Amino acid sequence: MHCCQGRIDYKDIKYYPSDNKIDQLVVKNLLIHSKNKLIKKSNLHKLFSFLKNQLNFTVISLDINFVSGKALRKVNKDFLNHDYSTDIITFNYSGNIKDIEGEILISIDDAETNSEKYGVNFDEEILRLVIHGILHLLGYNDINSKEKLEMKGLENKLLIEYKNILLKNGEK
């Protein structure tokens, strides 16, 4: 596992006032694009800060795009020659797995379907998909059953740890 414990490195984090006068952690070089109001961008920045701390990486540039299932299927077909829907596609533009530079595309439609299928709320499924995408950018794969098992185990561990921190801080 590529997991290490430690304190959050605040050099890459800035505080910006939000519209509701509550300060939010914002990770530099992370852009989150979504027209869907259910996507809580401030929560994703907090998750990202946690992941940077746990997995020890820096962000050169990362775009996370939340799109329709139809749009992601087209990307899957056009760029990967896979003619089927998927919940996430990750493009890694970095030659170094500790310096993330890439794009994560997440299907809102598939996230909603998965949340119902697996009996979790929508927010948790979004968190899981973002963690999954970051793990891909860090060199983890899920092509064979051994890789899937390792990746899923780390996904679960990180999600549980993050949710425990939120609970400890009185957040949902």
C-alpha atoms as a PDB file:
ATOM      1  CA  MET A   1       0.000   0.000   0.000  1.00  0.00           C
ATOM      2  CA  HIS A   2       1.079   3.547  -0.707  1.00  0.00           C
ATOM      3  CA  CYS A   3      -0.303   4.841   2.573  1.00  0.00           C
ATOM      4  CA  CYS A   4       1.507   6.935   5.089  1.00  0.00           C
ATOM      5  CA  GLN A   5       0.391   8.780   8.213  1.00  0.00           C
ATOM      6  CA  GLY A   6       1.210  12.369   9.031  1.00  0.00           C
ATOM      7  CA  ARG A   7      -0.056  15.896   9.227  1.00  0.00           C
ATOM      8  CA  ILE A   8      -1.675  17.783   6.370  1.00  0.00           C
ATOM      9  CA  ASP A   9       0.868  19.818   4.404  1.00  0.00           C
ATOM     10  CA  TYR A  10      -0.737  23.246   4.429  1.00  0.00           C
ATOM     11  CA  LYS A  11       1.638  24.811   1.883  1.00  0.00           C
ATOM     12  CA  ASP A  12      -0.673  23.701  -0.948  1.00  0.00           C
ATOM     13  CA  ILE A  13      -3.891  24.789   0.745  1.00  0.00           C
ATOM     14  CA  LYS A  14      -5.402  28.267   0.717  1.00  0.00           C
ATOM     15  CA  TYR A  15      -8.404  29.565   2.561  1.00  0.00           C
ATOM     16  CA  TYR A  16     -11.038  31.400   0.539  1.00  0.00           C
ATOM     17  CA  PRO A  17     -14.211  32.855   1.986  1.00  0.00           C
ATOM     18  CA  SER A  18     -17.326  31.105   0.730  1.00  0.00           C
ATOM     19  CA  ASP A  19     -20.614  32.719  -0.192  1.00  0.00           C
ATOM     20  CA  ASN A  20     -22.039  31.839   3.216  1.00  0.00           C
ATOM     21  CA  LYS A  21     -19.100  33.381   5.125  1.00  0.00           C
ATOM     22  CA  ILE A  22     -17.726  29.996   6.256  1.00  0.00           C
ATOM     23  CA  ASP A  23     -14.097  29.420   5.298  1.00  0.00           C
ATOM     24  CA  GLN A  24     -13.362  26.364   3.149  1.00  0.00           C
ATOM     25  CA  LEU A  25     -10.175  24.470   2.434  1.00  0.00           C
ATOM     26  CA  VAL A  26      -9.292  24.790  -1.237  1.00  0.00           C
ATOM     27  CA  VAL A  27      -6.517  22.727  -2.768  1.00  0.00           C
ATOM     28  CA  LYS A  28      -4.391  24.609  -5.286  1.00  0.00           C
ATOM     29  CA  ASN A  29      -4.416  23.267  -8.857  1.00  0.00           C
ATOM     30  CA  LEU A  30      -7.604  21.234  -8.284  1.00  0.00           C
ATOM     31  CA  LEU A  31     -10.584  22.272 -10.401  1.00  0.00           C
ATOM     32  CA  ILE A  32     -13.987  20.657  -9.942  1.00  0.00           C
ATOM     33  CA  HIS A  33     -16.519  21.109 -12.749  1.00  0.00           C
ATOM     34  CA  SER A  34     -20.179  20.283 -12.266  1.00  0.00           C
ATOM     35  CA  LYS A  35     -23.507  21.808 -13.189  1.00  0.00           C
ATOM     36  CA  ASN A  36     -25.202  19.422 -10.742  1.00  0.00           C
ATOM     37  CA  LYS A  37     -26.065  21.137  -7.449  1.00  0.00           C
ATOM     38  CA  LEU A  38     -25.763  17.815  -5.581  1.00  0.00           C
ATOM     39  CA  ILE A  39     -21.978  17.895  -5.997  1.00  0.00           C
ATOM     40  CA  LYS A  40     -20.527  19.533  -2.897  1.00  0.00           C
ATOM     41  CA  LYS A  41     -17.247  20.990  -4.133  1.00  0.00           C
ATOM     42  CA  SER A  42     -16.044  22.090  -0.693  1.00  0.00           C
ATOM     43  CA  ASN A  43     -16.439  18.501   0.564  1.00  0.00           C
ATOM     44  CA  LEU A  44     -14.359  17.245  -2.364  1.00  0.00           C
ATOM     45  CA  HIS A  45     -11.590  19.734  -1.558  1.00  0.00           C
ATOM     46  CA  LYS A  46     -11.594  18.468   2.044  1.00  0.00           C
ATOM     47  CA  LEU A  47     -11.441  14.868   0.806  1.00  0.00           C
ATOM     48  CA  PHE A  48      -8.586  15.788  -1.504  1.00  0.00           C
ATOM     49  CA  SER A  49      -6.614  17.390   1.357  1.00  0.00           C
ATOM     50  CA  PHE A  50      -7.099  14.194   3.359  1.00  0.00           C
ATOM     51  CA  LEU A  51      -5.960  12.010   0.425  1.00  0.00           C
ATOM     52  CA  LYS A  52      -2.869  14.150  -0.180  1.00  0.00           C
ATOM     53  CA  ASN A  53      -1.928  13.641   3.456  1.00  0.00           C
ATOM     54  CA  GLN A  54      -2.594   9.899   3.497  1.00  0.00           C
ATOM     55  CA  LEU A  55      -1.096   9.020   0.110  1.00  0.00           C
ATOM     56  CA  ASN A  56       1.738  11.571  -0.012  1.00  0.00           C
ATOM     57  CA  PHE A  57       1.343  13.213  -3.419  1.00  0.00           C
ATOM     58  CA  THR A  58       1.348  16.711  -4.889  1.00  0.00           C
ATOM     59  CA  VAL A  59      -0.990  18.215  -7.462  1.00  0.00           C
ATOM     60  CA  ILE A  60       0.447  19.742 -10.601  1.00  0.00           C
ATOM     61  CA  SER A  61      -2.971  20.043 -12.229  1.00  0.00           C
ATOM     62  CA  LEU A  62      -6.160  18.042 -11.811  1.00  0.00           C
ATOM     63  CA  ASP A  63      -9.604  18.554 -13.279  1.00  0.00           C
ATOM     64  CA  ILE A  64     -12.521  16.540 -11.918  1.00  0.00           C
ATOM     65  CA  ASN A  65     -15.488  16.686 -14.298  1.00  0.00           C
ATOM     66  CA  PHE A  66     -18.953  15.441 -13.413  1.00  0.00           C
ATOM     67  CA  VAL A  67     -20.792  14.561 -16.631  1.00  0.00           C
ATOM     68  CA  SER A  68     -23.796  12.603 -17.866  1.00  0.00           C
ATOM     69  CA  GLY A  69     -23.618   8.857 -18.436  1.00  0.00           C
ATOM     70  CA  LYS A  70     -24.128   9.473 -22.143  1.00  0.00           C
ATOM     71  CA  ALA A  71     -21.183  11.889 -22.322  1.00  0.00           C
ATOM     72  CA  LEU A  72     -18.876   9.506 -20.441  1.00  0.00           C
ATOM     73  CA  ARG A  73     -19.874   6.603 -22.669  1.00  0.00           C
ATOM     74  CA  LYS A  74     -18.877   8.706 -25.692  1.00  0.00           C
ATOM     75  CA  VAL A  75     -15.482   9.474 -24.126  1.00  0.00           C
ATOM     76  CA  ASN A  76     -15.074   5.776 -23.317  1.00  0.00           C
ATOM     77  CA  LYS A  77     -15.770   4.866 -26.953  1.00  0.00           C
ATOM     78  CA  ASP A  78     -13.797   7.702 -28.572  1.00  0.00           C
ATOM     79  CA  PHE A  79     -10.663   7.525 -26.430  1.00  0.00           C
ATOM     80  CA  LEU A  80     -10.556   3.968 -25.078  1.00  0.00           C
ATOM     81  CA  ASN A  81     -12.456   2.054 -27.798  1.00  0.00           C
ATOM     82  CA  HIS A  82     -14.874   0.660 -25.187  1.00  0.00           C
ATOM     83  CA  ASP A  83     -18.495   0.851 -26.312  1.00  0.00           C
ATOM     84  CA  TYR A  84     -20.168   0.657 -22.910  1.00  0.00           C
ATOM     85  CA  SER A  85     -21.027   2.918 -20.009  1.00  0.00           C
ATOM     86  CA  THR A  86     -18.740   3.342 -17.035  1.00  0.00           C
ATOM     87  CA  ASP A  87     -18.847   5.345 -13.824  1.00  0.00           C
ATOM     88  CA  ILE A  88     -15.341   6.832 -14.050  1.00  0.00           C
ATOM     89  CA  ILE A  89     -12.517   7.425 -16.514  1.00  0.00           C
ATOM     90  CA  THR A  90      -9.116   8.722 -15.477  1.00  0.00           C
ATOM     91  CA  PHE A  91      -6.530  10.298 -17.763  1.00  0.00           C
ATOM     92  CA  ASN A  92      -3.014  10.488 -16.329  1.00  0.00           C
ATOM     93  CA  TYR A  93      -0.752  13.078 -17.977  1.00  0.00           C
ATOM     94  CA  SER A  94       2.103  12.790 -15.484  1.00  0.00           C
ATOM     95  CA  GLY A  95       5.160  10.611 -15.787  1.00  0.00           C
ATOM     96  CA  ASN A  96       5.566  10.651 -12.010  1.00  0.00           C
ATOM     97  CA  ILE A  97       2.971   8.956  -9.806  1.00  0.00           C
ATOM     98  CA  LYS A  98       3.667  11.270  -6.857  1.00  0.00           C
ATOM     99  CA  ASP A  99       3.031  14.437  -8.916  1.00  0.00           C
ATOM    100  CA  ILE A 100      -0.555  14.217 -10.128  1.00  0.00           C
ATOM    101  CA  GLU A 101      -1.436  15.797 -13.439  1.00  0.00           C
ATOM    102  CA  GLY A 102      -4.585  14.560 -15.109  1.00  0.00           C
ATOM    103  CA  GLU A 103      -8.335  14.457 -15.445  1.00  0.00           C
ATOM    104  CA  ILE A 104     -11.039  12.450 -13.744  1.00  0.00           C
ATOM    105  CA  LEU A 105     -14.436  12.179 -15.431  1.00  0.00           C
ATOM    106  CA  ILE A 106     -17.298  10.849 -13.318  1.00  0.00           C
ATOM    107  CA  SER A 107     -20.763   9.917 -14.555  1.00  0.00           C
ATOM    108  CA  ILE A 108     -23.448  11.453 -12.349  1.00  0.00           C
ATOM    109  CA  ASP A 109     -25.956   8.960 -13.764  1.00  0.00           C
ATOM    110  CA  ASP A 110     -23.805   5.944 -12.909  1.00  0.00           C
ATOM    111  CA  ALA A 111     -23.046   7.371  -9.453  1.00  0.00           C
ATOM    112  CA  GLU A 112     -26.791   7.613  -8.768  1.00  0.00           C
ATOM    113  CA  THR A 113     -27.347   4.058 -10.060  1.00  0.00           C
ATOM    114  CA  ASN A 114     -24.425   2.708  -7.997  1.00  0.00           C
ATOM    115  CA  SER A 115     -25.607   4.435  -4.830  1.00  0.00           C
ATOM    116  CA  GLU A 116     -28.996   2.738  -5.158  1.00  0.00           C
ATOM    117  CA  LYS A 117     -27.476  -0.611  -6.181  1.00  0.00           C
ATOM    118  CA  TYR A 118     -25.033  -0.713  -3.239  1.00  0.00           C
ATOM    119  CA  GLY A 119     -27.321   0.919  -0.674  1.00  0.00           C
ATOM    120  CA  VAL A 120     -25.160   3.980   0.015  1.00  0.00           C
ATOM    121  CA  ASN A 121     -26.037   7.631  -0.231  1.00  0.00           C
ATOM    122  CA  PHE A 122     -25.104   9.637  -3.319  1.00  0.00           C
ATOM    123  CA  ASP A 123     -22.439  11.717  -1.504  1.00  0.00           C
ATOM    124  CA  GLU A 124     -20.632   8.579  -0.320  1.00  0.00           C
ATOM    125  CA  GLU A 125     -20.627   7.119  -3.833  1.00  0.00           C
ATOM    126  CA  ILE A 126     -19.127  10.356  -5.181  1.00  0.00           C
ATOM    127  CA  LEU A 127     -16.408  10.223  -2.511  1.00  0.00           C
ATOM    128  CA  ARG A 128     -15.656   6.596  -3.425  1.00  0.00           C
ATOM    129  CA  LEU A 129     -15.394   7.434  -7.129  1.00  0.00           C
ATOM    130  CA  VAL A 130     -13.024  10.352  -6.467  1.00  0.00           C
ATOM    131  CA  ILE A 131     -10.846   8.105  -4.275  1.00  0.00           C
ATOM    132  CA  HIS A 132     -10.894   5.474  -7.032  1.00  0.00           C
ATOM    133  CA  GLY A 133      -9.768   8.039  -9.610  1.00  0.00           C
ATOM    134  CA  ILE A 134      -6.942   9.314  -7.403  1.00  0.00           C
ATOM    135  CA  LEU A 135      -5.720   5.759  -6.839  1.00  0.00           C
ATOM    136  CA  HIS A 136      -5.596   5.262 -10.619  1.00  0.00           C
ATOM    137  CA  LEU A 137      -3.541   8.454 -10.952  1.00  0.00           C
ATOM    138  CA  LEU A 138      -1.163   7.077  -8.318  1.00  0.00           C
ATOM    139  CA  GLY A 139      -0.565   3.931 -10.361  1.00  0.00           C
ATOM    140  CA  TYR A 140      -3.125   1.526  -8.949  1.00  0.00           C
ATOM    141  CA  ASN A 141      -4.971  -0.654 -11.457  1.00  0.00           C
ATOM    142  CA  ASP A 142      -8.058  -2.833 -11.324  1.00  0.00           C
ATOM    143  CA  ILE A 143      -7.568  -4.966 -14.412  1.00  0.00           C
ATOM    144  CA  ASN A 144      -7.231  -8.369 -12.762  1.00  0.00           C
ATOM    145  CA  SER A 145      -8.859  -9.771  -9.621  1.00  0.00           C
ATOM    146  CA  LYS A 146      -5.742  -9.343  -7.433  1.00  0.00           C
ATOM    147  CA  GLU A 147      -5.419  -5.662  -8.417  1.00  0.00           C
ATOM    148  CA  LYS A 148      -9.156  -5.098  -7.949  1.00  0.00           C
ATOM    149  CA  LEU A 149      -9.000  -6.588  -4.468  1.00  0.00           C
ATOM    150  CA  GLU A 150      -6.018  -4.437  -3.453  1.00  0.00           C
ATOM    151  CA  MET A 151      -7.519  -1.273  -4.899  1.00  0.00           C
ATOM    152  CA  LYS A 152     -10.973  -1.881  -3.403  1.00  0.00           C
ATOM    153  CA  GLY A 153      -9.397  -2.583  -0.008  1.00  0.00           C
ATOM    154  CA  LEU A 154      -7.505   0.710  -0.060  1.00  0.00           C
ATOM    155  CA  GLU A 155     -10.604   2.559  -1.314  1.00  0.00           C
ATOM    156  CA  ASN A 156     -12.632   1.177   1.592  1.00  0.00           C
ATOM    157  CA  LYS A 157      -9.900   1.972   4.133  1.00  0.00           C
ATOM    158  CA  LEU A 158      -9.552   5.575   2.941  1.00  0.00           C
ATOM    159  CA  LEU A 159     -13.311   6.129   2.795  1.00  0.00           C
ATOM    160  CA  ILE A 160     -13.812   4.777   6.320  1.00  0.00           C
ATOM    161  CA  GLU A 161     -10.937   6.878   7.710  1.00  0.00           C
ATOM    162  CA  TYR A 162     -12.259  10.005   6.005  1.00  0.00           C
ATOM    163  CA  LYS A 163     -15.821   9.422   7.263  1.00  0.00           C
ATOM    164  CA  ASN A 164     -14.455   8.881  10.796  1.00  0.00           C
ATOM    165  CA  ILE A 165     -12.642  12.218  10.646  1.00  0.00           C
ATOM    166  CA  LEU A 166     -15.845  13.918   9.499  1.00  0.00           C
ATOM    167  CA  LEU A 167     -17.785  12.312  12.352  1.00  0.00           C
ATOM    168  CA  LYS A 168     -15.126  13.322  14.875  1.00  0.00           C
ATOM    169  CA  ASN A 169     -15.372  16.903  13.597  1.00  0.00           C
ATOM    170  CA  GLY A 170     -19.164  16.854  13.790  1.00  0.00           C
ATOM    171  CA  GLU A 171     -19.688  16.855  10.019  1.00  0.00           C
ATOM    172  CA  LYS A 172     -21.785  14.507   7.909  1.00  0.00           C
END
